[in-house]
Amino acid sequence: MELTQQFENAVAESKTLPEKPSNEILLQLYSLFKQATEGDVTGEGPSNPFDFVAKAKHNAWEEQQGKSKEDAMTEYVALVQRLKG
């Protein structure tokens, strides 16, 4: 199966996991998804210093900086498979 199709399937499967992942895993899924679909993060991040969720998401995505879209897709697929058990 083509990587893009595997990624799209994993995105759909991530919404039906048997149990809700930890916040750390959710941030990892988010950052890999953003890297795979949009590439490197741009901008400064959230301007509101008290928007902790947006800041955490921005920082997680920023940690993926430089990773190719293909590598991010592969890691996302592998993570979802691991979470499915």
C-alpha atoms as a PDB file:
ATOM      1  CA  MET A   1       0.000   0.000   0.000  1.00  0.00           C
ATOM      2  CA  GLU A   2       1.245   3.480  -0.833  1.00  0.00           C
ATOM      3  CA  LEU A   3       2.567   5.553   2.098  1.00  0.00           C
ATOM      4  CA  THR A   4      -0.015   8.309   1.600  1.00  0.00           C
ATOM      5  CA  GLN A   5      -2.829   5.760   1.770  1.00  0.00           C
ATOM      6  CA  GLN A   6      -1.313   4.131   4.866  1.00  0.00           C
ATOM      7  CA  PHE A   7      -1.085   7.581   6.469  1.00  0.00           C
ATOM      8  CA  GLU A   8      -4.706   8.427   5.645  1.00  0.00           C
ATOM      9  CA  ASN A   9      -5.818   5.072   7.072  1.00  0.00           C
ATOM     10  CA  ALA A  10      -3.783   5.691  10.237  1.00  0.00           C
ATOM     11  CA  VAL A  11      -5.360   9.134  10.644  1.00  0.00           C
ATOM     12  CA  ALA A  12      -8.815   7.541  10.468  1.00  0.00           C
ATOM     13  CA  GLU A  13      -7.772   4.751  12.854  1.00  0.00           C
ATOM     14  CA  SER A  14      -6.355   7.268  15.342  1.00  0.00           C
ATOM     15  CA  LYS A  15      -9.895   8.491  15.941  1.00  0.00           C
ATOM     16  CA  THR A  16     -11.080   5.011  16.969  1.00  0.00           C
ATOM     17  CA  LEU A  17      -8.305   3.837  19.303  1.00  0.00           C
ATOM     18  CA  PRO A  18      -9.407   1.455  22.076  1.00  0.00           C
ATOM     19  CA  GLU A  19      -8.367   3.951  24.770  1.00  0.00           C
ATOM     20  CA  LYS A  20      -7.464   7.624  24.822  1.00  0.00           C
ATOM     21  CA  PRO A  21      -3.687   8.138  24.591  1.00  0.00           C
ATOM     22  CA  SER A  22      -1.795  10.230  27.124  1.00  0.00           C
ATOM     23  CA  ASN A  23      -1.316  13.936  26.463  1.00  0.00           C
ATOM     24  CA  GLU A  24       2.317  13.240  25.533  1.00  0.00           C
ATOM     25  CA  ILE A  25       1.252  10.726  22.855  1.00  0.00           C
ATOM     26  CA  LEU A  26      -1.486  13.076  21.625  1.00  0.00           C
ATOM     27  CA  LEU A  27       1.132  15.811  21.176  1.00  0.00           C
ATOM     28  CA  GLN A  28       3.341  13.369  19.300  1.00  0.00           C
ATOM     29  CA  LEU A  29       0.461  12.411  16.997  1.00  0.00           C
ATOM     30  CA  TYR A  30      -0.367  16.086  16.458  1.00  0.00           C
ATOM     31  CA  SER A  31       3.197  17.115  15.677  1.00  0.00           C
ATOM     32  CA  LEU A  32       3.802  14.212  13.295  1.00  0.00           C
ATOM     33  CA  PHE A  33       0.488  14.921  11.541  1.00  0.00           C
ATOM     34  CA  LYS A  34       1.331  18.615  11.113  1.00  0.00           C
ATOM     35  CA  GLN A  35       4.852  17.823   9.895  1.00  0.00           C
ATOM     36  CA  ALA A  36       3.501  15.261   7.424  1.00  0.00           C
ATOM     37  CA  THR A  37       0.786  17.528   6.061  1.00  0.00           C
ATOM     38  CA  GLU A  38       2.305  21.024   6.306  1.00  0.00           C
ATOM     39  CA  GLY A  39       6.060  20.598   6.750  1.00  0.00           C
ATOM     40  CA  ASP A  40       8.166  22.680   9.126  1.00  0.00           C
ATOM     41  CA  VAL A  41       6.403  24.963  11.605  1.00  0.00           C
ATOM     42  CA  THR A  42       6.333  28.641  10.715  1.00  0.00           C
ATOM     43  CA  GLY A  43       5.749  31.665  12.890  1.00  0.00           C
ATOM     44  CA  GLU A  44       6.491  32.492  16.472  1.00  0.00           C
ATOM     45  CA  GLY A  45       3.816  30.411  18.118  1.00  0.00           C
ATOM     46  CA  PRO A  46       0.900  31.601  20.243  1.00  0.00           C
ATOM     47  CA  SER A  47       1.034  35.212  21.400  1.00  0.00           C
ATOM     48  CA  ASN A  48      -0.996  34.521  24.540  1.00  0.00           C
ATOM     49  CA  PRO A  49       1.491  33.296  27.178  1.00  0.00           C
ATOM     50  CA  PHE A  50      -1.340  31.604  29.084  1.00  0.00           C
ATOM     51  CA  ASP A  51      -2.498  29.473  26.157  1.00  0.00           C
ATOM     52  CA  PHE A  52      -0.595  26.444  27.405  1.00  0.00           C
ATOM     53  CA  VAL A  53      -2.236  23.983  25.008  1.00  0.00           C
ATOM     54  CA  ALA A  54      -1.369  26.017  21.910  1.00  0.00           C
ATOM     55  CA  LYS A  55       2.167  26.533  23.217  1.00  0.00           C
ATOM     56  CA  ALA A  56       2.614  22.787  23.844  1.00  0.00           C
ATOM     57  CA  LYS A  57       1.330  21.983  20.349  1.00  0.00           C
ATOM     58  CA  HIS A  58       3.610  24.573  18.754  1.00  0.00           C
ATOM     59  CA  ASN A  59       6.645  23.312  20.689  1.00  0.00           C
ATOM     60  CA  ALA A  60       5.892  19.677  19.817  1.00  0.00           C
ATOM     61  CA  TRP A  61       5.604  20.544  16.136  1.00  0.00           C
ATOM     62  CA  GLU A  62       8.772  22.634  16.322  1.00  0.00           C
ATOM     63  CA  GLU A  63      10.638  19.546  17.593  1.00  0.00           C
ATOM     64  CA  GLN A  64       9.845  17.847  14.256  1.00  0.00           C
ATOM     65  CA  GLN A  65      11.667  20.627  12.361  1.00  0.00           C
ATOM     66  CA  GLY A  66      13.658  19.309   9.401  1.00  0.00           C
ATOM     67  CA  LYS A  67      11.935  15.911   9.307  1.00  0.00           C
ATOM     68  CA  SER A  68      10.725  14.992   5.831  1.00  0.00           C
ATOM     69  CA  LYS A  69       7.008  14.607   5.211  1.00  0.00           C
ATOM     70  CA  GLU A  70       7.594  10.951   4.315  1.00  0.00           C
ATOM     71  CA  ASP A  71       9.464  10.244   7.569  1.00  0.00           C
ATOM     72  CA  ALA A  72       6.724  11.970   9.568  1.00  0.00           C
ATOM     73  CA  MET A  73       4.062   9.892   7.799  1.00  0.00           C
ATOM     74  CA  THR A  74       6.001   6.678   8.460  1.00  0.00           C
ATOM     75  CA  GLU A  75       6.414   7.514  12.156  1.00  0.00           C
ATOM     76  CA  TYR A  76       2.732   8.467  12.464  1.00  0.00           C
ATOM     77  CA  VAL A  77       1.616   5.172  10.906  1.00  0.00           C
ATOM     78  CA  ALA A  78       3.958   3.195  13.195  1.00  0.00           C
ATOM     79  CA  LEU A  79       2.747   5.068  16.303  1.00  0.00           C
ATOM     80  CA  VAL A  80      -0.934   4.455  15.494  1.00  0.00           C
ATOM     81  CA  GLN A  81      -0.226   0.761  14.859  1.00  0.00           C
ATOM     82  CA  ARG A  82       1.540   0.528  18.217  1.00  0.00           C
ATOM     83  CA  LEU A  83      -1.379   2.256  19.979  1.00  0.00           C
ATOM     84  CA  LYS A  84      -3.855  -0.140  18.358  1.00  0.00           C
ATOM     85  CA  GLY A  85      -1.995  -3.010  19.986  1.00  0.00           C
END
